[in-house]
Amino acid sequence: MASLPDHLDIHLIRILYMLLTEKNVSRVALKLNQPQPSISASLRKLRELTGDQLLVRGARGMVPTQHGESLLRPAKRILDETERLFVRKMPFVAQQESRTFHIAASDYLDMQFLPNIVAALRRESPLSRIVIHSLGPNFDYVSLLSDGDLDLVIGNWEEPPEHLHMSKLFEDRIVCTMRADCAYAKRTDVDKMSVEDYLSLPHVAPSKLRTGYHGFIDTFLTRQHMQRNVAVESAYFSLIPHMLMQTDLVLTTGKQFVRHYEKSMALKTYNVPIKFPPMRFYQLWHDRVHQASEHKWLRELIATTAKSLVLK
């Protein structure tokens, strides 16, 4: 690189390529709509830079030197690569193109939302692939988004990282649920749970997504100077309803998640006696894919899928 001349001009490489293919200064000047003396001056500069005559007189006009012929292919390659470098990217045509999208999401979304996203993507872009990563305590989604190994993260945060782009997807009302025939559920009506009961009952909670992060429920309780009795933490959110069926544990989560399991399990759901704000779910992405047409399409597909959810 140190031997390259300063201020190397792509236009000069174009003139080099055309001189070697046309073998005529006048024709090059005509095609580039430039005066012939200007092209002649460029040829002199090229000869100086390469240390070779490049074009010499032959029996039927100008012919490339041996060194000139050796420059023809690399000159064309440079021009082709430069054209690809600055060509404007066309909109993503979902039905015709193939992309691989990497999405990270909590398994809270497994039962309804994520399957709907997968179905929509298969329908709208059948040649594309989707890789779903599970958010967990050791999953550094911030770095993965920045490095390009991850395209999008879906989850609920009270304060998402400020340097990431974000759009709200949906809200979910907070409820708590337990096995319908456990001792507390048998003796307490759904509208009779007290704050004291709620805090003292044995709770099961999802594991922290990252060190120092207490999750939506416990962060809110801490701000209200309250603390619940978390007896179990589970890294497998989708297994928690099955834990409820064999224990006296209580789960506090969104109504959407509970509603799915109420259809097949004997659960009793309470309105929490503490005024939690709703759980707000977002999609987060890095600036590196902010303007990419395929990622704009993906985010719109996810937003549309979120709007189709009927939350009660």
C-alpha atoms as a PDB file:
ATOM      1  CA  MET A   1       0.000   0.000   0.000  1.00  0.00           C
ATOM      2  CA  ALA A   2       2.873   2.375   0.735  1.00  0.00           C
ATOM      3  CA  SER A   3       3.896   2.359  -2.942  1.00  0.00           C
ATOM      4  CA  LEU A   4       0.477   3.531  -4.178  1.00  0.00           C
ATOM      5  CA  PRO A   5       0.424   7.096  -5.512  1.00  0.00           C
ATOM      6  CA  ASP A   6      -1.468   9.696  -3.480  1.00  0.00           C
ATOM      7  CA  HIS A   7      -4.936  10.685  -4.703  1.00  0.00           C
ATOM      8  CA  LEU A   8      -5.328   7.729  -7.056  1.00  0.00           C
ATOM      9  CA  ASP A   9      -8.279   8.502  -9.327  1.00  0.00           C
ATOM     10  CA  ILE A  10     -10.827   5.821 -10.283  1.00  0.00           C
ATOM     11  CA  HIS A  11     -11.503   7.825 -13.444  1.00  0.00           C
ATOM     12  CA  LEU A  12      -7.863   7.394 -14.371  1.00  0.00           C
ATOM     13  CA  ILE A  13      -8.258   3.609 -14.045  1.00  0.00           C
ATOM     14  CA  ARG A  14     -11.310   3.831 -16.298  1.00  0.00           C
ATOM     15  CA  ILE A  15      -9.246   5.701 -18.903  1.00  0.00           C
ATOM     16  CA  LEU A  16      -6.511   3.065 -18.597  1.00  0.00           C
ATOM     17  CA  TYR A  17      -9.032   0.280 -19.227  1.00  0.00           C
ATOM     18  CA  MET A  18     -10.595   2.043 -22.190  1.00  0.00           C
ATOM     19  CA  LEU A  19      -7.228   2.891 -23.762  1.00  0.00           C
ATOM     20  CA  LEU A  20      -6.173  -0.756 -23.504  1.00  0.00           C
ATOM     21  CA  THR A  21      -9.441  -1.981 -25.059  1.00  0.00           C
ATOM     22  CA  GLU A  22     -10.043   0.762 -27.652  1.00  0.00           C
ATOM     23  CA  LYS A  23      -6.336   1.251 -28.485  1.00  0.00           C
ATOM     24  CA  ASN A  24      -7.184   4.733 -29.740  1.00  0.00           C
ATOM     25  CA  VAL A  25      -6.986   8.051 -27.879  1.00  0.00           C
ATOM     26  CA  SER A  26      -9.579   9.753 -30.077  1.00  0.00           C
ATOM     27  CA  ARG A  27     -12.223   7.042 -29.598  1.00  0.00           C
ATOM     28  CA  VAL A  28     -11.725   7.108 -25.821  1.00  0.00           C
ATOM     29  CA  ALA A  29     -12.108  10.900 -25.805  1.00  0.00           C
ATOM     30  CA  LEU A  30     -15.303  10.600 -27.826  1.00  0.00           C
ATOM     31  CA  LYS A  31     -16.828   7.898 -25.594  1.00  0.00           C
ATOM     32  CA  LEU A  32     -16.000   9.813 -22.410  1.00  0.00           C
ATOM     33  CA  ASN A  33     -17.050  13.137 -23.942  1.00  0.00           C
ATOM     34  CA  GLN A  34     -13.685  14.669 -23.090  1.00  0.00           C
ATOM     35  CA  PRO A  35     -11.232  16.630 -25.270  1.00  0.00           C
ATOM     36  CA  GLN A  36      -8.495  14.543 -26.854  1.00  0.00           C
ATOM     37  CA  PRO A  37      -5.661  16.532 -25.179  1.00  0.00           C
ATOM     38  CA  SER A  38      -7.147  15.593 -21.787  1.00  0.00           C
ATOM     39  CA  ILE A  39      -7.021  11.867 -22.632  1.00  0.00           C
ATOM     40  CA  SER A  40      -3.485  12.270 -23.988  1.00  0.00           C
ATOM     41  CA  ALA A  41      -2.482  13.934 -20.710  1.00  0.00           C
ATOM     42  CA  SER A  42      -4.007  11.031 -18.779  1.00  0.00           C
ATOM     43  CA  LEU A  43      -2.029   8.563 -20.896  1.00  0.00           C
ATOM     44  CA  ARG A  44       1.188  10.428 -20.093  1.00  0.00           C
ATOM     45  CA  LYS A  45       0.321  10.280 -16.372  1.00  0.00           C
ATOM     46  CA  LEU A  46      -0.426   6.561 -16.606  1.00  0.00           C
ATOM     47  CA  ARG A  47       2.885   5.936 -18.312  1.00  0.00           C
ATOM     48  CA  GLU A  48       4.623   7.828 -15.531  1.00  0.00           C
ATOM     49  CA  LEU A  49       2.817   5.911 -12.805  1.00  0.00           C
ATOM     50  CA  THR A  50       3.381   2.470 -14.334  1.00  0.00           C
ATOM     51  CA  GLY A  51       6.851   3.044 -15.750  1.00  0.00           C
ATOM     52  CA  ASP A  52       5.690   1.580 -19.049  1.00  0.00           C
ATOM     53  CA  GLN A  53       4.552   2.916 -22.427  1.00  0.00           C
ATOM     54  CA  LEU A  54       1.280   0.928 -22.149  1.00  0.00           C
ATOM     55  CA  LEU A  55       0.373   1.673 -25.802  1.00  0.00           C
ATOM     56  CA  VAL A  56       2.831   1.724 -28.708  1.00  0.00           C
ATOM     57  CA  ARG A  57       2.486   2.042 -32.467  1.00  0.00           C
ATOM     58  CA  GLY A  58       1.887  -1.170 -34.380  1.00  0.00           C
ATOM     59  CA  ALA A  59       1.344  -2.016 -38.034  1.00  0.00           C
ATOM     60  CA  ARG A  60      -2.370  -1.121 -37.861  1.00  0.00           C
ATOM     61  CA  GLY A  61      -2.456   1.492 -35.133  1.00  0.00           C
ATOM     62  CA  MET A  62      -1.750   1.470 -31.402  1.00  0.00           C
ATOM     63  CA  VAL A  63      -1.263  -1.843 -29.577  1.00  0.00           C
ATOM     64  CA  PRO A  64      -0.826  -2.575 -25.826  1.00  0.00           C
ATOM     65  CA  THR A  65       2.598  -3.460 -24.554  1.00  0.00           C
ATOM     66  CA  GLN A  66       3.068  -6.730 -22.724  1.00  0.00           C
ATOM     67  CA  HIS A  67       2.795  -4.896 -19.396  1.00  0.00           C
ATOM     68  CA  GLY A  68      -0.236  -2.999 -20.671  1.00  0.00           C
ATOM     69  CA  GLU A  69      -2.000  -6.270 -21.504  1.00  0.00           C
ATOM     70  CA  SER A  70      -1.270  -7.542 -17.984  1.00  0.00           C
ATOM     71  CA  LEU A  71      -3.096  -4.494 -16.542  1.00  0.00           C
ATOM     72  CA  LEU A  72      -6.304  -5.011 -18.505  1.00  0.00           C
ATOM     73  CA  ARG A  73      -7.849  -7.666 -16.258  1.00  0.00           C
ATOM     74  CA  PRO A  74      -7.022  -6.022 -12.879  1.00  0.00           C
ATOM     75  CA  ALA A  75      -8.265  -2.675 -14.185  1.00  0.00           C
ATOM     76  CA  LYS A  76     -11.600  -4.219 -15.153  1.00  0.00           C
ATOM     77  CA  ARG A  77     -11.847  -5.991 -11.796  1.00  0.00           C
ATOM     78  CA  ILE A  78     -11.276  -2.708  -9.938  1.00  0.00           C
ATOM     79  CA  LEU A  79     -13.957  -0.954 -11.999  1.00  0.00           C
ATOM     80  CA  ASP A  80     -16.454  -3.794 -11.481  1.00  0.00           C
ATOM     81  CA  GLU A  81     -15.839  -3.898  -7.724  1.00  0.00           C
ATOM     82  CA  THR A  82     -16.113  -0.119  -7.483  1.00  0.00           C
ATOM     83  CA  GLU A  83     -19.433  -0.200  -9.311  1.00  0.00           C
ATOM     84  CA  ARG A  84     -20.746  -2.827  -6.885  1.00  0.00           C
ATOM     85  CA  LEU A  85     -19.443  -0.803  -3.961  1.00  0.00           C
ATOM     86  CA  PHE A  86     -21.510   2.278  -4.774  1.00  0.00           C
ATOM     87  CA  VAL A  87     -24.583   0.802  -6.425  1.00  0.00           C
ATOM     88  CA  ARG A  88     -27.781   1.726  -4.596  1.00  0.00           C
ATOM     89  CA  LYS A  89     -29.271  -1.258  -2.813  1.00  0.00           C
ATOM     90  CA  MET A  90     -32.621  -2.314  -4.213  1.00  0.00           C
ATOM     91  CA  PRO A  91     -35.644  -2.954  -1.966  1.00  0.00           C
ATOM     92  CA  PHE A  92     -35.904  -6.445  -0.522  1.00  0.00           C
ATOM     93  CA  VAL A  93     -38.310  -8.566  -2.585  1.00  0.00           C
ATOM     94  CA  ALA A  94     -39.469 -11.004   0.067  1.00  0.00           C
ATOM     95  CA  GLN A  95     -41.068 -13.633  -2.204  1.00  0.00           C
ATOM     96  CA  GLN A  96     -38.033 -13.883  -4.474  1.00  0.00           C
ATOM     97  CA  GLU A  97     -34.978 -13.411  -2.285  1.00  0.00           C
ATOM     98  CA  SER A  98     -33.228 -15.506   0.339  1.00  0.00           C
ATOM     99  CA  ARG A  99     -31.898 -14.147   3.626  1.00  0.00           C
ATOM    100  CA  THR A 100     -30.984 -15.670   6.974  1.00  0.00           C
ATOM    101  CA  PHE A 101     -32.350 -13.733   9.940  1.00  0.00           C
ATOM    102  CA  HIS A 102     -31.051 -14.226  13.487  1.00  0.00           C
ATOM    103  CA  ILE A 103     -33.559 -13.317  16.211  1.00  0.00           C
ATOM    104  CA  ALA A 104     -33.191 -13.664  19.983  1.00  0.00           C
ATOM    105  CA  ALA A 105     -36.261 -13.898  22.195  1.00  0.00           C
ATOM    106  CA  SER A 106     -37.338 -15.146  25.590  1.00  0.00           C
ATOM    107  CA  ASP A 107     -39.167 -18.472  25.620  1.00  0.00           C
ATOM    108  CA  TYR A 108     -42.025 -16.523  27.222  1.00  0.00           C
ATOM    109  CA  LEU A 109     -42.980 -15.872  23.605  1.00  0.00           C
ATOM    110  CA  ASP A 110     -42.770 -19.512  22.495  1.00  0.00           C
ATOM    111  CA  MET A 111     -46.410 -20.486  22.586  1.00  0.00           C
ATOM    112  CA  GLN A 112     -48.063 -17.890  20.396  1.00  0.00           C
ATOM    113  CA  PHE A 113     -46.033 -14.926  19.213  1.00  0.00           C
ATOM    114  CA  LEU A 114     -42.892 -16.632  17.877  1.00  0.00           C
ATOM    115  CA  PRO A 115     -44.803 -19.352  15.997  1.00  0.00           C
ATOM    116  CA  ASN A 116     -46.872 -16.602  14.361  1.00  0.00           C
ATOM    117  CA  ILE A 117     -43.675 -14.807  13.304  1.00  0.00           C
ATOM    118  CA  VAL A 118     -42.243 -18.011  11.833  1.00  0.00           C
ATOM    119  CA  ALA A 119     -45.501 -18.706   9.965  1.00  0.00           C
ATOM    120  CA  ALA A 120     -45.587 -15.167   8.561  1.00  0.00           C
ATOM    121  CA  LEU A 121     -41.959 -15.344   7.434  1.00  0.00           C
ATOM    122  CA  ARG A 122     -42.486 -18.733   5.746  1.00  0.00           C
ATOM    123  CA  ARG A 123     -45.525 -17.320   3.987  1.00  0.00           C
ATOM    124  CA  GLU A 124     -44.016 -13.987   2.928  1.00  0.00           C
ATOM    125  CA  SER A 125     -40.402 -15.024   2.218  1.00  0.00           C
ATOM    126  CA  PRO A 126     -40.355 -18.798   1.654  1.00  0.00           C
ATOM    127  CA  LEU A 127     -36.714 -18.874   0.514  1.00  0.00           C
ATOM    128  CA  SER A 128     -35.444 -17.191   3.692  1.00  0.00           C
ATOM    129  CA  ARG A 129     -34.253 -18.834   6.898  1.00  0.00           C
ATOM    130  CA  ILE A 130     -34.821 -17.776  10.499  1.00  0.00           C
ATOM    131  CA  VAL A 131     -32.602 -18.763  13.422  1.00  0.00           C
ATOM    132  CA  ILE A 132     -34.150 -18.181  16.859  1.00  0.00           C
ATOM    133  CA  HIS A 133     -31.759 -17.776  19.787  1.00  0.00           C
ATOM    134  CA  SER A 134     -32.836 -18.057  23.406  1.00  0.00           C
ATOM    135  CA  LEU A 135     -32.176 -15.129  25.722  1.00  0.00           C
ATOM    136  CA  GLY A 136     -30.393 -16.305  28.845  1.00  0.00           C
ATOM    137  CA  PRO A 137     -28.111 -15.095  31.635  1.00  0.00           C
ATOM    138  CA  ASN A 138     -24.940 -15.591  29.566  1.00  0.00           C
ATOM    139  CA  PHE A 139     -26.335 -14.422  26.230  1.00  0.00           C
ATOM    140  CA  ASP A 140     -24.653 -11.098  25.420  1.00  0.00           C
ATOM    141  CA  TYR A 141     -27.207  -9.825  22.919  1.00  0.00           C
ATOM    142  CA  VAL A 142     -25.795  -6.271  22.990  1.00  0.00           C
ATOM    143  CA  SER A 143     -22.398  -7.424  21.674  1.00  0.00           C
ATOM    144  CA  LEU A 144     -23.974  -9.893  19.230  1.00  0.00           C
ATOM    145  CA  LEU A 145     -26.131  -7.137  17.721  1.00  0.00           C
ATOM    146  CA  SER A 146     -23.114  -4.868  17.438  1.00  0.00           C
ATOM    147  CA  ASP A 147     -20.938  -7.568  15.849  1.00  0.00           C
ATOM    148  CA  GLY A 148     -23.578  -8.587  13.321  1.00  0.00           C
ATOM    149  CA  ASP A 149     -24.120 -12.109  14.677  1.00  0.00           C
ATOM    150  CA  LEU A 150     -27.653 -11.159  15.707  1.00  0.00           C
ATOM    151  CA  ASP A 151     -30.180  -9.065  13.766  1.00  0.00           C
ATOM    152  CA  LEU A 152     -32.962  -8.462  16.268  1.00  0.00           C
ATOM    153  CA  VAL A 153     -33.910  -9.038  19.906  1.00  0.00           C
ATOM    154  CA  ILE A 154     -37.477  -9.318  21.181  1.00  0.00           C
ATOM    155  CA  GLY A 155     -38.166  -8.986  24.881  1.00  0.00           C
ATOM    156  CA  ASN A 156     -39.436  -6.798  27.695  1.00  0.00           C
ATOM    157  CA  TRP A 157     -37.167  -4.221  29.280  1.00  0.00           C
ATOM    158  CA  GLU A 158     -37.922  -1.310  31.510  1.00  0.00           C
ATOM    159  CA  GLU A 159     -34.784   0.461  30.311  1.00  0.00           C
ATOM    160  CA  PRO A 160     -33.328  -1.033  27.098  1.00  0.00           C
ATOM    161  CA  PRO A 161     -29.749  -0.064  26.148  1.00  0.00           C
ATOM    162  CA  GLU A 162     -29.861   3.538  24.945  1.00  0.00           C
ATOM    163  CA  HIS A 163     -27.635   3.087  21.882  1.00  0.00           C
ATOM    164  CA  LEU A 164     -29.972   0.528  20.287  1.00  0.00           C
ATOM    165  CA  HIS A 165     -32.984   1.288  18.112  1.00  0.00           C
ATOM    166  CA  MET A 166     -36.281   0.202  19.625  1.00  0.00           C
ATOM    167  CA  SER A 167     -39.944  -0.098  18.708  1.00  0.00           C
ATOM    168  CA  LYS A 168     -42.794  -1.164  20.958  1.00  0.00           C
ATOM    169  CA  LEU A 169     -44.651  -4.330  19.941  1.00  0.00           C
ATOM    170  CA  PHE A 170     -47.388  -4.923  22.522  1.00  0.00           C
ATOM    171  CA  GLU A 171     -48.380  -4.707  26.189  1.00  0.00           C
ATOM    172  CA  ASP A 172     -49.447  -7.551  28.463  1.00  0.00           C
ATOM    173  CA  ARG A 173     -51.438  -7.122  31.693  1.00  0.00           C
ATOM    174  CA  ILE A 174     -49.827  -8.568  34.837  1.00  0.00           C
ATOM    175  CA  VAL A 175     -51.623 -11.399  36.647  1.00  0.00           C
ATOM    176  CA  CYS A 176     -50.564 -14.201  38.976  1.00  0.00           C
ATOM    177  CA  THR A 177     -51.597 -17.826  38.749  1.00  0.00           C
ATOM    178  CA  MET A 178     -51.291 -21.065  40.710  1.00  0.00           C
ATOM    179  CA  ARG A 179     -52.616 -24.606  40.754  1.00  0.00           C
ATOM    180  CA  ALA A 180     -56.404 -24.466  41.153  1.00  0.00           C
ATOM    181  CA  ASP A 181     -56.503 -27.095  43.904  1.00  0.00           C
ATOM    182  CA  CYS A 182     -53.581 -25.878  46.013  1.00  0.00           C
ATOM    183  CA  ALA A 183     -54.423 -24.877  49.590  1.00  0.00           C
ATOM    184  CA  TYR A 184     -54.418 -21.121  49.043  1.00  0.00           C
ATOM    185  CA  ALA A 185     -56.487 -21.281  45.844  1.00  0.00           C
ATOM    186  CA  LYS A 186     -59.126 -23.449  47.513  1.00  0.00           C
ATOM    187  CA  ARG A 187     -59.814 -20.989  50.285  1.00  0.00           C
ATOM    188  CA  THR A 188     -59.282 -17.603  48.566  1.00  0.00           C
ATOM    189  CA  ASP A 189     -61.465 -15.958  45.917  1.00  0.00           C
ATOM    190  CA  VAL A 190     -59.744 -14.393  42.892  1.00  0.00           C
ATOM    191  CA  ASP A 191     -60.567 -10.882  44.127  1.00  0.00           C
ATOM    192  CA  LYS A 192     -59.554 -11.506  47.764  1.00  0.00           C
ATOM    193  CA  MET A 193     -55.759 -11.779  47.521  1.00  0.00           C
ATOM    194  CA  SER A 194     -54.076  -9.242  49.806  1.00  0.00           C
ATOM    195  CA  VAL A 195     -50.718  -7.575  49.322  1.00  0.00           C
ATOM    196  CA  GLU A 196     -49.412  -9.480  52.341  1.00  0.00           C
ATOM    197  CA  ASP A 197     -50.588 -12.779  50.884  1.00  0.00           C
ATOM    198  CA  TYR A 198     -49.032 -11.995  47.517  1.00  0.00           C
ATOM    199  CA  LEU A 199     -45.613 -11.141  48.947  1.00  0.00           C
ATOM    200  CA  SER A 200     -45.479 -14.104  51.351  1.00  0.00           C
ATOM    201  CA  LEU A 201     -46.649 -16.858  48.968  1.00  0.00           C
ATOM    202  CA  PRO A 202     -43.838 -18.980  47.426  1.00  0.00           C
ATOM    203  CA  HIS A 203     -43.079 -17.599  43.970  1.00  0.00           C
ATOM    204  CA  VAL A 204     -41.353 -19.074  40.922  1.00  0.00           C
ATOM    205  CA  ALA A 205     -39.542 -16.532  38.737  1.00  0.00           C
ATOM    206  CA  PRO A 206     -37.545 -16.678  35.491  1.00  0.00           C
ATOM    207  CA  SER A 207     -33.778 -16.498  35.862  1.00  0.00           C
ATOM    208  CA  LYS A 208     -32.109 -13.131  35.425  1.00  0.00           C
ATOM    209  CA  LEU A 209     -31.255 -12.261  31.831  1.00  0.00           C
ATOM    210  CA  ARG A 210     -27.957 -10.753  32.903  1.00  0.00           C
ATOM    211  CA  THR A 211     -26.004 -10.142  36.096  1.00  0.00           C
ATOM    212  CA  GLY A 212     -27.506  -7.380  38.207  1.00  0.00           C
ATOM    213  CA  TYR A 213     -30.771  -7.371  36.251  1.00  0.00           C
ATOM    214  CA  HIS A 214     -33.691  -8.257  38.527  1.00  0.00           C
ATOM    215  CA  GLY A 215     -36.434  -8.500  35.952  1.00  0.00           C
ATOM    216  CA  PHE A 216     -39.596  -6.494  35.456  1.00  0.00           C
ATOM    217  CA  ILE A 217     -41.552  -7.726  38.492  1.00  0.00           C
ATOM    218  CA  ASP A 218     -38.828  -7.535  41.115  1.00  0.00           C
ATOM    219  CA  THR A 219     -37.480  -4.215  39.854  1.00  0.00           C
ATOM    220  CA  PHE A 220     -40.923  -2.670  40.312  1.00  0.00           C
ATOM    221  CA  LEU A 221     -41.369  -4.220  43.778  1.00  0.00           C
ATOM    222  CA  THR A 222     -37.965  -2.928  44.893  1.00  0.00           C
ATOM    223  CA  ARG A 223     -38.956   0.591  43.894  1.00  0.00           C
ATOM    224  CA  GLN A 224     -42.087   0.216  46.025  1.00  0.00           C
ATOM    225  CA  HIS A 225     -39.911  -1.017  48.931  1.00  0.00           C
ATOM    226  CA  MET A 226     -41.452  -4.472  48.672  1.00  0.00           C
ATOM    227  CA  GLN A 227     -39.981  -7.942  48.252  1.00  0.00           C
ATOM    228  CA  ARG A 228     -41.752 -11.151  47.330  1.00  0.00           C
ATOM    229  CA  ASN A 229     -40.782 -14.643  48.432  1.00  0.00           C
ATOM    230  CA  VAL A 230     -39.014 -16.130  45.389  1.00  0.00           C
ATOM    231  CA  ALA A 231     -38.583 -19.819  46.216  1.00  0.00           C
ATOM    232  CA  VAL A 232     -37.577 -21.013  42.728  1.00  0.00           C
ATOM    233  CA  GLU A 233     -35.741 -19.433  39.796  1.00  0.00           C
ATOM    234  CA  SER A 234     -35.987 -21.204  36.455  1.00  0.00           C
ATOM    235  CA  ALA A 235     -34.031 -20.671  33.258  1.00  0.00           C
ATOM    236  CA  TYR A 236     -36.806 -22.536  31.396  1.00  0.00           C
ATOM    237  CA  PHE A 237     -39.828 -20.279  31.402  1.00  0.00           C
ATOM    238  CA  SER A 238     -42.017 -22.627  29.403  1.00  0.00           C
ATOM    239  CA  LEU A 239     -41.596 -25.333  32.091  1.00  0.00           C
ATOM    240  CA  ILE A 240     -42.858 -23.124  34.901  1.00  0.00           C
ATOM    241  CA  PRO A 241     -46.589 -23.896  34.356  1.00  0.00           C
ATOM    242  CA  HIS A 242     -45.768 -27.593  34.765  1.00  0.00           C
ATOM    243  CA  MET A 243     -43.993 -26.769  38.032  1.00  0.00           C
ATOM    244  CA  LEU A 244     -47.175 -25.050  39.223  1.00  0.00           C
ATOM    245  CA  MET A 245     -49.174 -28.232  38.688  1.00  0.00           C
ATOM    246  CA  GLN A 246     -47.033 -30.170  41.179  1.00  0.00           C
ATOM    247  CA  THR A 247     -46.355 -27.493  43.815  1.00  0.00           C
ATOM    248  CA  ASP A 248     -47.838 -24.591  45.748  1.00  0.00           C
ATOM    249  CA  LEU A 249     -45.803 -22.080  43.703  1.00  0.00           C
ATOM    250  CA  VAL A 250     -47.187 -18.825  42.318  1.00  0.00           C
ATOM    251  CA  LEU A 251     -46.254 -17.370  38.929  1.00  0.00           C
ATOM    252  CA  THR A 252     -46.531 -13.663  38.163  1.00  0.00           C
ATOM    253  CA  THR A 253     -46.484 -12.914  34.459  1.00  0.00           C
ATOM    254  CA  GLY A 254     -48.499 -11.533  31.546  1.00  0.00           C
ATOM    255  CA  LYS A 255     -52.067 -12.547  30.877  1.00  0.00           C
ATOM    256  CA  GLN A 256     -51.200 -13.689  27.348  1.00  0.00           C
ATOM    257  CA  PHE A 257     -48.816 -16.361  28.616  1.00  0.00           C
ATOM    258  CA  VAL A 258     -51.224 -17.574  31.292  1.00  0.00           C
ATOM    259  CA  ARG A 259     -54.186 -17.673  28.908  1.00  0.00           C
ATOM    260  CA  HIS A 260     -52.498 -20.286  26.737  1.00  0.00           C
ATOM    261  CA  TYR A 261     -51.982 -22.680  29.671  1.00  0.00           C
ATOM    262  CA  GLU A 262     -55.400 -22.074  31.198  1.00  0.00           C
ATOM    263  CA  LYS A 263     -56.833 -23.976  28.230  1.00  0.00           C
ATOM    264  CA  SER A 264     -55.131 -27.233  29.202  1.00  0.00           C
ATOM    265  CA  MET A 265     -54.228 -26.906  32.901  1.00  0.00           C
ATOM    266  CA  ALA A 266     -56.269 -26.464  36.048  1.00  0.00           C
ATOM    267  CA  LEU A 267     -54.992 -23.021  37.037  1.00  0.00           C
ATOM    268  CA  LYS A 268     -56.531 -20.277  39.111  1.00  0.00           C
ATOM    269  CA  THR A 269     -55.589 -16.752  38.054  1.00  0.00           C
ATOM    270  CA  TYR A 270     -55.683 -13.688  40.302  1.00  0.00           C
ATOM    271  CA  ASN A 271     -55.576  -9.993  39.645  1.00  0.00           C
ATOM    272  CA  VAL A 272     -52.397  -8.965  41.443  1.00  0.00           C
ATOM    273  CA  PRO A 273     -53.205  -6.721  44.451  1.00  0.00           C
ATOM    274  CA  ILE A 274     -50.302  -4.443  43.476  1.00  0.00           C
ATOM    275  CA  LYS A 275     -50.696  -2.002  40.590  1.00  0.00           C
ATOM    276  CA  PHE A 276     -47.990  -3.217  38.260  1.00  0.00           C
ATOM    277  CA  PRO A 277     -47.623  -1.368  34.974  1.00  0.00           C
ATOM    278  CA  PRO A 278     -48.190  -3.640  31.981  1.00  0.00           C
ATOM    279  CA  MET A 279     -45.286  -5.651  30.601  1.00  0.00           C
ATOM    280  CA  ARG A 280     -44.115  -3.870  27.454  1.00  0.00           C
ATOM    281  CA  PHE A 281     -42.443  -5.897  24.734  1.00  0.00           C
ATOM    282  CA  TYR A 282     -40.064  -4.333  22.249  1.00  0.00           C
ATOM    283  CA  GLN A 283     -37.880  -5.237  19.330  1.00  0.00           C
ATOM    284  CA  LEU A 284     -34.316  -3.929  19.518  1.00  0.00           C
ATOM    285  CA  TRP A 285     -31.767  -3.624  16.738  1.00  0.00           C
ATOM    286  CA  HIS A 286     -28.391  -2.048  16.073  1.00  0.00           C
ATOM    287  CA  ASP A 287     -27.658   0.916  13.829  1.00  0.00           C
ATOM    288  CA  ARG A 288     -25.710  -1.370  11.472  1.00  0.00           C
ATOM    289  CA  VAL A 289     -28.974  -2.848  10.093  1.00  0.00           C
ATOM    290  CA  HIS A 290     -31.175   0.201  10.614  1.00  0.00           C
ATOM    291  CA  GLN A 291     -31.329   1.174   6.924  1.00  0.00           C
ATOM    292  CA  ALA A 292     -31.106  -2.307   5.363  1.00  0.00           C
ATOM    293  CA  SER A 293     -34.261  -2.999   3.332  1.00  0.00           C
ATOM    294  CA  GLU A 294     -34.529  -6.671   4.354  1.00  0.00           C
ATOM    295  CA  HIS A 295     -34.326  -5.749   8.036  1.00  0.00           C
ATOM    296  CA  LYS A 296     -36.903  -2.987   7.655  1.00  0.00           C
ATOM    297  CA  TRP A 297     -39.140  -5.632   6.098  1.00  0.00           C
ATOM    298  CA  LEU A 298     -38.479  -8.061   8.970  1.00  0.00           C
ATOM    299  CA  ARG A 299     -39.250  -5.456  11.640  1.00  0.00           C
ATOM    300  CA  GLU A 300     -42.483  -4.528   9.884  1.00  0.00           C
ATOM    301  CA  LEU A 301     -43.487  -8.194   9.658  1.00  0.00           C
ATOM    302  CA  ILE A 302     -42.881  -8.626  13.405  1.00  0.00           C
ATOM    303  CA  ALA A 303     -44.778  -5.420  14.222  1.00  0.00           C
ATOM    304  CA  THR A 304     -47.734  -6.566  12.118  1.00  0.00           C
ATOM    305  CA  THR A 305     -47.717  -9.958  13.827  1.00  0.00           C
ATOM    306  CA  ALA A 306     -47.742  -8.240  17.228  1.00  0.00           C
ATOM    307  CA  LYS A 307     -50.750  -6.124  16.239  1.00  0.00           C
ATOM    308  CA  SER A 308     -52.676  -9.274  15.324  1.00  0.00           C
ATOM    309  CA  LEU A 309     -52.522 -10.570  18.906  1.00  0.00           C
ATOM    310  CA  VAL A 310     -55.789 -10.148  20.764  1.00  0.00           C
ATOM    311  CA  LEU A 311     -54.822  -9.221  24.312  1.00  0.00           C
ATOM    312  CA  LYS A 312     -57.512  -9.109  26.977  1.00  0.00           C
END
